[in-house]
Each structure stands twice: as C-alpha cells, then as structure tokens.
C-alpha cells in the first residue's frame, strides 16, 4: 500500500493554528525530505518553534534536507547551544560541517563547545566547503593489509555499527596509507585464513582534499563510482565522498552556472525576495547599459549615413540580433565543454577554430538568405552584397568570441559562466553595426 504524498499546506496551517504537538507526533511517519518541505514553508519563528519540539534525530534529518536557499544554519544558530549540540550530534560529520560552515565562526564555536565529540567535524571545517575535503565524510569502512579475510570480516561487522551506509571497503597499512579496495564478494567467498593483501585490488581512483567539488563530481560520473576515497599528499586515507553528495553538488553548480550565465549573481537564491533580486541583478544591468552605449556610439557616429539610407536602420537589428544568437550558441556549448572538463590545455585553439568554422558556415547561409530578401524588396544588388558580407562577418565573429571569451576566463581562473553573454552580445552588436554601416558606406556611396 503506497503512502499518499504529504500535504504541506495542511501541515503549515496546523502549525500556525498552534497544534504543534500533533504535528510532532505525525512527523515520525514522514520522510525527512517531506519534513524539510514543511520547515521550508514556515517563517523563521514558526520553523524555530517546531524544531525546538522535534526529536533531535528528526530535526537533524530535516535540516539537512532543506534547500540551501532556506539557510538551515540560521535556524540551528537561533537555538540554545545545548539543543543545537544535540542536533549536531545526530548529524553525519560531513553534514554537520556543511551546516556549521555556513555560520559565523563565533556561532559555530558556541554550538561545538557543547558537542561531546567534535574532532571529526573540526577536521572537516578546516577545508573549504566547496572542495573534496569539505564534502567528504570520515565515516568509512577500512581494514588493514596484514589482516586475514576472517579478521577483516569481524572488523567490518564492528565498524558497520557506526557507519550507516558503505559501498566500498578500503585497505590501509599501519600508517593509514591507502593500499587497495577490497571487493566484498571476494572477501565473503575467501578462506578465513587468506591474507587481505591477496584479495584486494589496486586503488583505482582517488582525489586530493583540495580538489574542487565540481571536479570530484566529474570523477565519480566518469568512472561510475559509488564513492571515491580522499587522500592527502602522502597517500593517507582521509575520508570518502559518496554519490549522494555529488548529486547535491551537481544541482548547486548547475543552478549557479545558469544564474551567472544570464548575468545574475550566484548569491541570489531562487526564493529570494524582490530586494535581494534587485541587488543581485542591478550591477549586471548597469554594466550591460555601459556596453550598450558602446554599440550605440557606432550608430551615432554614422547617423548621417543612416539618414540618407533609412533601410539600414531596419537591417541593423537583424544582423546584430543574429550575431547575438549565434554567439550565445557558441558560448553555451563552450561553457558546457569546460564544465565537463573537455577543454584541456592545448586544445583551446581547436575549440575556437571549430566555432569559427561553424560561424562562417552559418554566416554564408544566413547571409545569402538575408541578401535575397533585400533584393526581393528592391533594395539593389550592392546593398544585398553589403548585407551578405556583414551577416557572414558578424556570425564568424560570434563563433570566435563565443568560444574565446569563456576559454580566456577559465584560463585566468575566472568562472566562465560569469555573465559571459553580456560581453559576447555586446561584441556582436558592435561588429554587426560596424560591418553593415562601413560596407554600405564603401559599396553604395
């Protein structure tokens, strides 16, 4: 029998009616993600009141499932230290580090001072939250190289009491250096006296703690791994990153890139109020206004020509708009290639060259079509030629700039999705206006 989906609106109304005790009783039967939806739908005071009453285990699971935009860390920070510490004790070390890492250091220390065993969380908080070290958990299953199969099975049973989910068994030496991966099937069928060193496989893939979380996600995806070990420069096993952590990373990074690609700050969450949205977007719009004036200056400098040939005024937005669309296409493809790690050093010229060829080919076809329309409207062969050359040139420029800008930003250590479209479309507007007006001046006058 399937459980009907939770009606979040009904639960919110129940909370606002003051029937918190009934909500807490029902919450035991809900999935953590459903309870997180309820908390997200409440205002700050209502959320805090409900979290105060929930068992620490339920509260911890729900806070972890809340979207980052709802700032679960603020709810945790608003609790008394002992209550917040009880919730942190129920969290996995990596989840605790994620939430505490979003607080002011003073608030995090206030809560951690009341936590009984804070060592693992303290270690994770030393790493940047967007790196492998910040994403990893130190809860894992490991056995020693000198153990036998029977001893390893006993060790795994003991460790499994503390580690809820594990997908791989790591083999380390006495110094904690990762030596191999132990296949569970081979371990189970092996004779009890057989050494682990004879059963284990060589470590296939590992990542350093400083690796960016997006790169870690690509590693797990590329090699189809359920988890990947994190090791230091000396090869010592520090922790592991699991695929469920990667899902969160991919979602967060995709949202960030989409917002930045459109000229919106990644700091603006999807549920932000209108004031936050204005603060996030206005600087980019102001920059876009400045670049638009550059394009307008080209038109202004040729105002006498446009007054004599008013047809040019109708053709300019066509050529500029097609260039902007083509540039955005090249930009989107290139940013995607960079995000997937498909533009290693030494291949940038090939990427730009490919987009230049695509732009030229498209320009020849689209330029021909626009020139034919111009001729059918009785505008003359020379104007048709000027339109053809301008369109072809602008789409060629669009392909080159659309690929070059993100590659250049990435090489300079800047996120290639940061409002690249603003710069690309401005460039194609300027070139489109200039090509058409310059060619018209040379060919028709």
Protein backbone atom coordinates (compact mmCIF):
# COMPACT_ATOMS: atom_id res chain seq x y z
CA UNK A 1 0.00 0.00 0.00
CA UNK A 2 1.50 3.32 -1.07
CA UNK A 3 1.58 6.27 1.30
CA UNK A 4 -0.20 9.37 -0.07
CA UNK A 5 2.04 12.40 -0.55
CA UNK A 6 2.24 14.80 2.36
CA UNK A 7 0.03 17.86 2.06
CA UNK A 8 2.50 20.53 3.15
CA UNK A 9 -0.11 23.31 3.13
CA UNK A 10 -2.30 21.42 5.62
CA UNK A 11 0.61 20.85 7.97
CA UNK A 12 1.62 24.52 7.77
CA UNK A 13 -1.91 25.53 8.69
CA UNK A 14 -1.80 23.13 11.61
CA UNK A 15 1.43 24.70 12.84
CA UNK A 16 0.00 28.20 12.51
CA UNK A 17 -3.09 27.09 14.40
CA UNK A 18 -0.81 26.25 17.32
CA UNK A 19 -1.28 22.46 17.17
CA UNK A 20 2.45 21.75 17.28
CA UNK A 21 2.13 18.64 19.45
CA UNK A 22 0.02 16.90 16.81
CA UNK A 23 2.49 17.85 14.07
CA UNK A 24 5.40 16.44 16.10
CA UNK A 25 3.50 13.19 16.62
CA UNK A 26 2.76 12.86 12.90
CA UNK A 27 6.32 13.81 11.92
CA UNK A 28 7.64 10.42 12.99
CA UNK A 29 5.91 8.87 9.97
CA UNK A 30 7.20 11.38 7.41
CA UNK A 31 10.22 11.14 5.19
CA UNK A 32 12.95 13.67 6.09
CA UNK A 33 12.53 15.40 2.71
CA UNK A 34 8.80 15.90 3.39
CA UNK A 35 9.50 17.32 6.84
CA UNK A 36 12.10 19.61 5.25
CA UNK A 37 9.39 20.90 2.88
CA UNK A 38 7.25 21.75 5.89
CA UNK A 39 10.09 23.62 7.59
CA UNK A 40 10.87 25.49 4.37
CA UNK A 41 7.24 26.65 4.08
CA UNK A 42 7.21 28.15 7.58
CA UNK A 43 8.51 31.57 8.54
CA UNK A 44 11.54 31.86 10.81
CA UNK A 45 9.68 31.97 14.11
CA UNK A 46 7.34 29.09 13.22
CA UNK A 47 10.24 26.98 11.98
CA UNK A 48 12.24 27.59 15.13
CA UNK A 49 9.27 26.66 17.35
CA UNK A 50 8.74 23.37 15.52
CA UNK A 51 12.44 22.44 15.51
CA UNK A 52 12.54 23.09 19.25
CA UNK A 53 9.89 20.40 19.79
CA UNK A 54 11.02 17.80 17.27
CA UNK A 55 13.22 14.92 18.47
CA UNK A 56 16.86 15.74 17.71
CA UNK A 57 17.13 12.89 15.21
CA UNK A 58 14.13 14.08 13.17
CA UNK A 59 15.23 17.71 13.36
CA UNK A 60 18.72 16.86 12.13
CA UNK A 61 17.45 14.85 9.16
CA UNK A 62 15.02 17.58 8.13
CA UNK A 63 17.56 20.41 8.41
CA UNK A 64 19.99 18.52 6.20
CA UNK A 65 17.31 18.03 3.53
CA UNK A 66 16.33 21.71 3.42
CA UNK A 67 17.39 23.64 0.30
CA UNK A 68 20.49 25.78 0.76
CA UNK A 69 18.38 28.84 -0.07
CA UNK A 70 16.39 28.33 3.15
CA UNK A 71 19.55 28.62 5.31
CA UNK A 72 19.12 25.78 7.79
CA UNK A 73 22.21 27.08 9.56
CA UNK A 74 20.29 30.18 10.66
CA UNK A 75 17.66 28.02 12.34
CA UNK A 76 20.35 25.97 14.07
CA UNK A 77 22.17 29.12 15.21
CA UNK A 78 18.96 30.51 16.74
CA UNK A 79 18.62 27.50 19.07
CA UNK A 80 20.11 27.33 22.56
CA UNK A 81 23.61 25.83 22.49
CA UNK A 82 22.66 22.55 24.19
CA UNK A 83 19.69 21.97 21.85
CA UNK A 84 21.76 22.78 18.75
CA UNK A 85 24.52 20.47 20.01
CA UNK A 86 22.02 17.61 20.39
CA UNK A 87 21.02 18.06 16.75
CA UNK A 88 24.66 18.24 15.59
CA UNK A 89 25.39 15.01 17.47
CA UNK A 90 22.75 13.28 15.31
CA UNK A 91 24.25 14.55 12.04
CA UNK A 92 26.84 12.79 9.95
CA UNK A 93 30.17 14.58 10.25
CA UNK A 94 30.05 15.94 6.70
CA UNK A 95 26.50 17.23 7.09
CA UNK A 96 27.42 18.86 10.40
CA UNK A 97 30.41 20.54 8.80
CA UNK A 98 28.27 21.79 5.89
CA UNK A 99 25.75 23.44 8.20
CA UNK A 100 28.24 24.80 10.73
CA UNK A 101 30.49 26.04 7.93
CA UNK A 102 27.71 28.39 6.82
CA UNK A 103 27.60 30.14 10.20
CA UNK A 104 29.69 32.88 11.69
CA UNK A 105 32.72 31.24 13.35
CA UNK A 106 31.60 32.54 16.75
CA UNK A 107 28.17 30.92 16.41
CA UNK A 108 29.68 27.64 15.21
CA UNK A 109 32.08 27.58 18.15
CA UNK A 110 29.24 28.29 20.59
CA UNK A 111 27.47 25.15 19.38
CA UNK A 112 30.57 22.98 19.01
CA UNK A 113 31.65 23.77 22.55
CA UNK A 114 28.57 21.85 23.72
CA UNK A 115 29.17 18.88 21.38
CA UNK A 116 30.61 15.86 23.15
CA UNK A 117 32.87 14.61 20.33
CA UNK A 118 33.71 17.34 17.85
CA UNK A 119 37.01 16.06 16.48
CA UNK A 120 35.80 14.86 13.08
CA UNK A 121 33.73 18.00 12.47
CA UNK A 122 36.68 20.21 13.44
CA UNK A 123 38.89 18.41 10.90
CA UNK A 124 36.34 18.86 8.13
CA UNK A 125 35.82 22.54 8.93
CA UNK A 126 39.49 23.17 8.14
CA UNK A 127 38.75 22.59 4.45
CA UNK A 128 36.94 24.92 2.09
CA UNK A 129 33.33 23.79 1.87
CA UNK A 130 33.47 23.57 -1.94
CA UNK A 131 36.42 21.17 -2.02
CA UNK A 132 36.71 17.41 -1.68
CA UNK A 133 37.88 17.88 1.91
CA UNK A 134 34.82 19.95 2.74
CA UNK A 135 32.49 17.44 1.11
CA UNK A 136 33.95 14.20 2.43
CA UNK A 137 32.86 12.16 5.41
CA UNK A 138 35.36 10.49 7.71
CA UNK A 139 32.92 7.68 8.47
CA UNK A 140 34.04 4.76 6.33
CA UNK A 141 34.93 1.07 6.48
CA UNK A 142 38.62 0.18 6.35
CA UNK A 143 40.72 -2.89 7.10
CA UNK A 144 44.45 -3.41 7.45
CA UNK A 145 46.69 -5.04 4.88
CA UNK A 146 48.10 -7.58 7.35
CA UNK A 147 44.67 -8.91 8.37
CA UNK A 148 43.21 -12.18 7.15
CA UNK A 149 39.82 -12.47 5.47
CA UNK A 150 38.27 -13.71 8.70
CA UNK A 151 39.74 -10.87 10.74
CA UNK A 152 38.61 -8.35 8.12
CA UNK A 153 35.01 -9.62 8.28
CA UNK A 154 34.99 -9.27 12.07
CA UNK A 155 36.40 -5.75 11.75
CA UNK A 156 33.78 -4.78 9.16
CA UNK A 157 30.96 -6.01 11.41
CA UNK A 158 32.22 -3.83 14.27
CA UNK A 159 32.65 -0.75 12.10
CA UNK A 160 29.26 -1.20 10.42
CA UNK A 161 27.59 -0.40 13.74
CA UNK A 162 28.86 3.18 13.38
CA UNK A 163 28.78 3.57 9.58
CA UNK A 164 25.22 3.51 8.28
CA UNK A 165 25.91 3.12 4.55
CA UNK A 166 29.07 1.90 2.86
CA UNK A 167 29.71 1.00 -0.75
CA UNK A 168 33.42 0.21 -0.73
CA UNK A 169 35.90 -1.27 1.74
CA UNK A 170 39.27 0.46 1.85
CA UNK A 171 42.53 -1.28 2.70
CA UNK A 172 45.21 0.72 4.52
CA UNK A 173 48.58 -0.07 6.02
CA UNK A 174 49.68 0.62 9.59
CA UNK A 175 50.45 4.26 8.64
CA UNK A 176 46.95 4.80 7.22
CA UNK A 177 48.14 4.90 3.61
CA UNK A 178 45.53 3.67 1.13
CA UNK A 179 46.76 0.41 -0.39
CA UNK A 180 43.73 -1.07 -2.06
CA UNK A 181 40.00 -1.64 -2.44
CA UNK A 182 38.53 -4.85 -1.04
CA UNK A 183 35.73 -6.41 -3.15
CA UNK A 184 33.04 -7.65 -0.77
CA UNK A 185 32.20 -10.70 -2.87
CA UNK A 186 35.80 -11.95 -2.94
CA UNK A 187 36.09 -11.32 0.79
CA UNK A 188 32.98 -13.36 1.60
CA UNK A 189 34.00 -16.39 -0.50
CA UNK A 190 37.67 -16.32 0.54
CA UNK A 191 39.06 -18.79 3.05
CA UNK A 192 39.20 -17.17 6.53
CA UNK A 193 42.97 -17.55 6.72
CA UNK A 194 43.67 -15.94 3.33
CA UNK A 195 45.51 -12.56 3.64
CA UNK A 196 43.60 -9.43 2.65
CA UNK A 197 46.63 -8.31 0.62
CA UNK A 198 45.97 -11.20 -1.78
CA UNK A 199 42.31 -10.33 -2.29
CA UNK A 200 42.39 -6.55 -2.58
CA UNK A 201 42.52 -4.62 -5.83
CA UNK A 202 44.76 -1.68 -6.59
CA UNK A 203 43.16 1.68 -5.72
CA UNK A 204 41.53 2.77 -8.97
CA UNK A 205 40.75 6.43 -8.39
CA UNK A 206 41.34 8.84 -5.51
CA UNK A 207 41.13 12.60 -5.11
CA UNK A 208 43.10 15.13 -3.02
CA UNK A 209 41.24 17.16 -0.38
CA UNK A 210 41.95 20.41 -2.25
CA UNK A 211 40.14 19.29 -5.44
CA UNK A 212 37.12 21.41 -6.36
CA UNK A 213 33.79 19.73 -5.68
CA UNK A 214 32.72 20.05 -9.32
CA UNK A 215 35.85 18.18 -10.43
CA UNK A 216 35.08 15.45 -7.88
CA UNK A 217 31.59 15.12 -9.36
CA UNK A 218 33.11 14.64 -12.80
CA UNK A 219 35.43 11.91 -11.44
CA UNK A 220 32.55 9.95 -9.91
CA UNK A 221 30.48 10.35 -13.06
CA UNK A 222 33.31 9.45 -15.44
CA UNK A 223 34.27 6.24 -13.64
CA UNK A 224 30.75 5.30 -12.44
CA UNK A 225 31.80 5.10 -8.80
CA UNK A 226 29.52 4.85 -5.77
CA UNK A 227 32.18 6.56 -3.66
CA UNK A 228 35.72 7.85 -4.04
CA UNK A 229 38.49 7.99 -1.40
CA UNK A 230 40.08 11.29 -0.41
CA UNK A 231 43.82 11.02 0.27
CA UNK A 232 46.49 13.54 1.26
CA UNK A 233 49.82 14.16 -0.48
CA UNK A 234 51.34 11.19 1.34
CA UNK A 235 48.57 8.84 0.22
CA UNK A 236 46.95 8.61 3.67
CA UNK A 237 43.23 7.93 3.61
CA UNK A 238 41.32 10.94 4.96
CA UNK A 239 37.72 10.14 4.08
CA UNK A 240 35.33 9.36 1.26
CA UNK A 241 32.82 11.18 -0.93
CA UNK A 242 29.65 9.34 -1.91
CA UNK A 243 27.45 9.72 -4.96
CA UNK A 244 24.58 11.29 -2.99
CA UNK A 245 26.89 14.17 -2.06
CA UNK A 246 27.70 14.58 -5.75
CA UNK A 247 24.03 14.87 -6.68
CA UNK A 248 23.78 17.90 -4.40
CA UNK A 249 26.96 19.36 -5.92
CA UNK A 250 25.73 18.96 -9.50
CA UNK A 251 22.41 20.61 -8.67
CA UNK A 252 24.09 23.51 -6.84
CA UNK A 253 26.71 24.09 -9.55
CA UNK A 254 24.14 23.86 -12.37
CA UNK A 255 21.92 26.42 -10.66
CA UNK A 256 24.92 28.68 -10.06
CA UNK A 257 26.06 28.47 -13.69
CA UNK A 258 22.57 29.14 -15.05
CA UNK A 259 22.22 32.24 -12.88
CA UNK A 260 25.67 33.53 -13.77
CA UNK A 261 25.21 32.75 -17.45
CA UNK A 262 22.27 35.12 -17.51
CA UNK A 263 24.07 37.88 -15.67
CA UNK A 264 22.51 37.15 -12.27
CA UNK A 265 24.68 36.73 -9.20
CA UNK A 266 25.02 33.17 -7.92
CA UNK A 267 24.35 34.58 -4.46
CA UNK A 268 20.71 35.17 -5.41
CA UNK A 269 18.79 32.08 -4.40
CA UNK A 270 15.69 31.04 -6.29
CA UNK A 271 13.37 32.01 -3.46
CA UNK A 272 14.93 35.39 -2.81
CA UNK A 273 12.76 38.44 -2.19
CA UNK A 274 12.49 41.25 -4.70
CA UNK A 275 15.01 43.46 -2.86
CA UNK A 276 17.66 40.71 -2.94
CA UNK A 277 16.91 40.13 -6.61
CA UNK A 278 17.36 43.82 -7.41
CA UNK A 279 20.68 43.99 -5.53
CA UNK A 280 21.87 40.90 -7.38
CA UNK A 281 20.85 41.89 -10.89
CA UNK A 282 21.19 45.67 -10.98
CA UNK A 283 25.03 45.76 -11.17
CA UNK A 284 25.00 43.49 -14.23
CA UNK A 285 22.27 45.54 -15.88
CA UNK A 286 24.32 48.68 -15.23
CA UNK A 287 27.32 47.04 -16.86
CA UNK A 288 25.12 45.98 -19.76
CA UNK A 289 23.95 49.59 -20.12
CA UNK A 290 27.56 50.76 -20.43
CA UNK A 291 28.34 48.18 -23.10
CA UNK A 292 25.09 49.03 -24.92
CA UNK A 293 26.27 52.64 -25.16
CA UNK A 294 29.38 51.39 -26.94
CA UNK A 295 27.21 49.77 -29.59
CA UNK A 296 25.03 52.89 -29.76
CA UNK A 297 28.13 55.03 -30.34
CA UNK A 298 28.79 53.16 -33.59
CA UNK A 299 25.29 54.02 -34.77
CA UNK A 300 25.61 57.63 -33.64
CA UNK A 301 28.90 58.06 -35.49
CA UNK A 302 27.16 57.00 -38.71
CA UNK A 303 23.88 58.90 -38.22
CA UNK A 304 24.33 60.87 -41.45
CA UNK A 305 24.62 57.66 -43.47
CA UNK A 306 21.51 56.21 -41.80
CA UNK A 307 19.53 59.39 -42.53
CA UNK A 308 20.40 59.05 -46.21
CA UNK A 309 19.63 55.29 -46.32
CA UNK A 310 16.83 54.55 -43.86
CA UNK A 311 16.76 50.89 -44.96
CA UNK A 312 19.95 50.40 -42.94
CA UNK A 313 18.02 51.18 -39.75
CA UNK A 314 15.78 48.18 -40.41
CA UNK A 315 18.67 45.85 -41.28
CA UNK A 316 20.98 46.70 -38.35
CA UNK A 317 18.97 44.90 -35.61
CA UNK A 318 18.62 41.84 -37.87
CA UNK A 319 22.38 41.46 -38.31
CA UNK A 320 23.17 42.32 -34.68
CA UNK A 321 20.44 40.01 -33.33
CA UNK A 322 21.54 37.05 -35.44
CA UNK A 323 25.12 37.62 -34.29
CA UNK A 324 24.00 37.69 -30.66
CA UNK A 325 22.08 34.43 -31.06
CA UNK A 326 24.98 32.70 -32.79
CA UNK A 327 27.41 33.96 -30.14
CA UNK A 328 25.19 32.69 -27.34
CA UNK A 329 25.03 29.26 -29.01
CA UNK A 330 28.82 29.06 -29.22
CA UNK A 331 29.11 30.35 -25.66
CA UNK A 332 26.68 27.78 -24.24
CA UNK A 333 28.43 24.88 -25.96
CA UNK A 334 31.88 26.05 -24.87
CA UNK A 335 30.87 26.66 -21.24
CA UNK A 336 29.35 23.18 -21.17
CA UNK A 337 32.55 21.66 -22.58
CA UNK A 338 34.61 23.46 -19.94
CA UNK A 339 32.25 22.31 -17.17
CA UNK A 340 32.71 18.69 -18.30
CA UNK A 341 36.49 19.07 -18.45
CA UNK A 342 36.58 18.65 -22.23
CA UNK A 343 38.82 21.65 -22.91
CA UNK A 344 42.23 20.65 -21.51
CA UNK A 345 45.25 22.86 -22.01
CA UNK A 346 46.49 22.87 -25.57
CA UNK A 347 43.04 22.35 -27.13
CA UNK A 348 41.70 25.91 -26.85
CA UNK A 349 42.72 26.79 -30.40
CA UNK A 350 40.89 23.77 -31.74
CA UNK A 351 37.73 24.70 -29.82
CA UNK A 352 37.82 28.31 -31.05
CA UNK A 353 38.67 27.15 -34.57
CA UNK A 354 35.70 24.79 -34.65
CA UNK A 355 33.28 27.53 -33.58
CA UNK A 356 34.82 29.92 -36.12
CA UNK A 357 34.17 27.38 -38.90
CA UNK A 358 30.61 26.85 -37.67
CA UNK A 359 30.06 30.62 -37.55
CA UNK A 360 31.45 31.11 -41.06
CA UNK A 361 29.30 28.31 -42.50
CA UNK A 362 26.15 29.59 -40.83
CA UNK A 363 27.03 33.14 -41.87
CA UNK A 364 27.29 32.19 -45.54
CA UNK A 365 23.86 30.55 -45.48
CA UNK A 366 22.06 33.16 -43.38
CA UNK A 367 23.83 36.00 -45.21
CA UNK A 368 22.63 34.64 -48.53
CA UNK A 369 19.05 34.41 -47.29
CA UNK A 370 19.05 37.96 -45.94
CA UNK A 371 20.64 39.28 -49.15
CA UNK A 372 17.92 37.54 -51.23
CA UNK A 373 15.19 39.12 -49.09
CA UNK A 374 16.87 42.50 -49.59
CA UNK A 375 16.91 42.00 -53.35
CA UNK A 376 13.25 40.91 -53.41
CA UNK A 377 12.36 44.14 -51.62
CA UNK A 378 14.03 46.05 -54.44
CA UNK A 379 16.98 47.38 -52.46
CA UNK A 380 19.59 46.77 -55.13
CA UNK A 381 22.47 44.32 -55.65
CA UNK A 382 25.10 46.36 -53.82
CA UNK A 383 23.02 46.64 -50.66
CA UNK A 384 22.39 42.89 -50.89
CA UNK A 385 26.14 42.35 -51.13
CA UNK A 386 26.77 44.61 -48.13
CA UNK A 387 24.16 42.71 -46.10
CA UNK A 388 25.63 39.35 -47.11
CA UNK A 389 29.18 40.32 -46.14
CA UNK A 390 28.07 41.96 -42.89
CA UNK A 391 26.00 38.96 -41.80
CA UNK A 392 28.75 36.49 -42.72
CA UNK A 393 31.39 38.51 -40.90
CA UNK A 394 29.27 39.00 -37.80
CA UNK A 395 28.41 35.31 -37.44
CA UNK A 396 32.09 34.46 -37.89
CA UNK A 397 32.94 36.93 -35.12
CA UNK A 398 30.13 35.49 -32.98
CA UNK A 399 31.58 31.98 -33.21
CA UNK A 400 35.11 33.13 -32.37
CA UNK A 401 34.10 35.40 -29.48
CA UNK A 402 31.53 32.92 -28.12
CA UNK A 403 34.25 30.29 -27.75
CA UNK A 404 37.19 32.56 -26.91
CA UNK A 405 35.62 34.52 -24.01
CA UNK A 406 34.80 31.53 -21.75
CA UNK A 407 38.12 29.83 -22.57
CA UNK A 408 40.01 33.03 -21.70
CA UNK A 409 38.08 33.48 -18.43
CA UNK A 410 38.72 29.87 -17.47
CA UNK A 411 42.44 30.22 -18.16
CA UNK A 412 42.51 33.33 -15.94
CA UNK A 413 40.86 31.44 -13.10
CA UNK A 414 37.51 33.19 -13.52
CA UNK A 415 34.24 31.28 -13.72
CA UNK A 416 33.48 31.20 -17.49
CA UNK A 417 29.74 31.40 -16.81
CA UNK A 418 30.01 34.82 -15.14
CA UNK A 419 27.83 36.96 -17.39
CA UNK A 420 29.82 35.95 -20.48
CA UNK A 421 26.70 36.50 -22.59
CA UNK A 422 26.76 40.24 -21.83
CA UNK A 423 30.25 40.61 -23.30
CA UNK A 424 29.57 38.34 -26.27
CA UNK A 425 26.32 40.02 -27.33
CA UNK A 426 27.85 43.47 -26.93
CA UNK A 427 30.74 42.50 -29.17
CA UNK A 428 28.43 41.09 -31.84
CA UNK A 429 26.22 44.20 -31.68
CA UNK A 430 29.19 46.49 -32.22
CA UNK A 431 30.63 44.36 -35.03
CA UNK A 432 27.23 43.89 -36.68
CA UNK A 433 26.51 47.63 -36.75
CA UNK A 434 30.05 48.48 -37.85
CA UNK A 435 30.25 45.88 -40.65
CA UNK A 436 26.92 46.90 -42.19
CA UNK A 437 27.47 50.66 -41.96
CA UNK A 438 31.10 50.53 -43.11
CA UNK A 439 30.27 48.28 -46.07
CA UNK A 440 27.27 50.39 -47.03
CA UNK A 441 29.43 53.49 -46.98
CA UNK A 442 32.08 51.85 -49.18
CA UNK A 443 29.82 49.99 -51.63
CA UNK A 444 26.84 52.31 -52.02
CA UNK A 445 28.23 55.82 -51.77
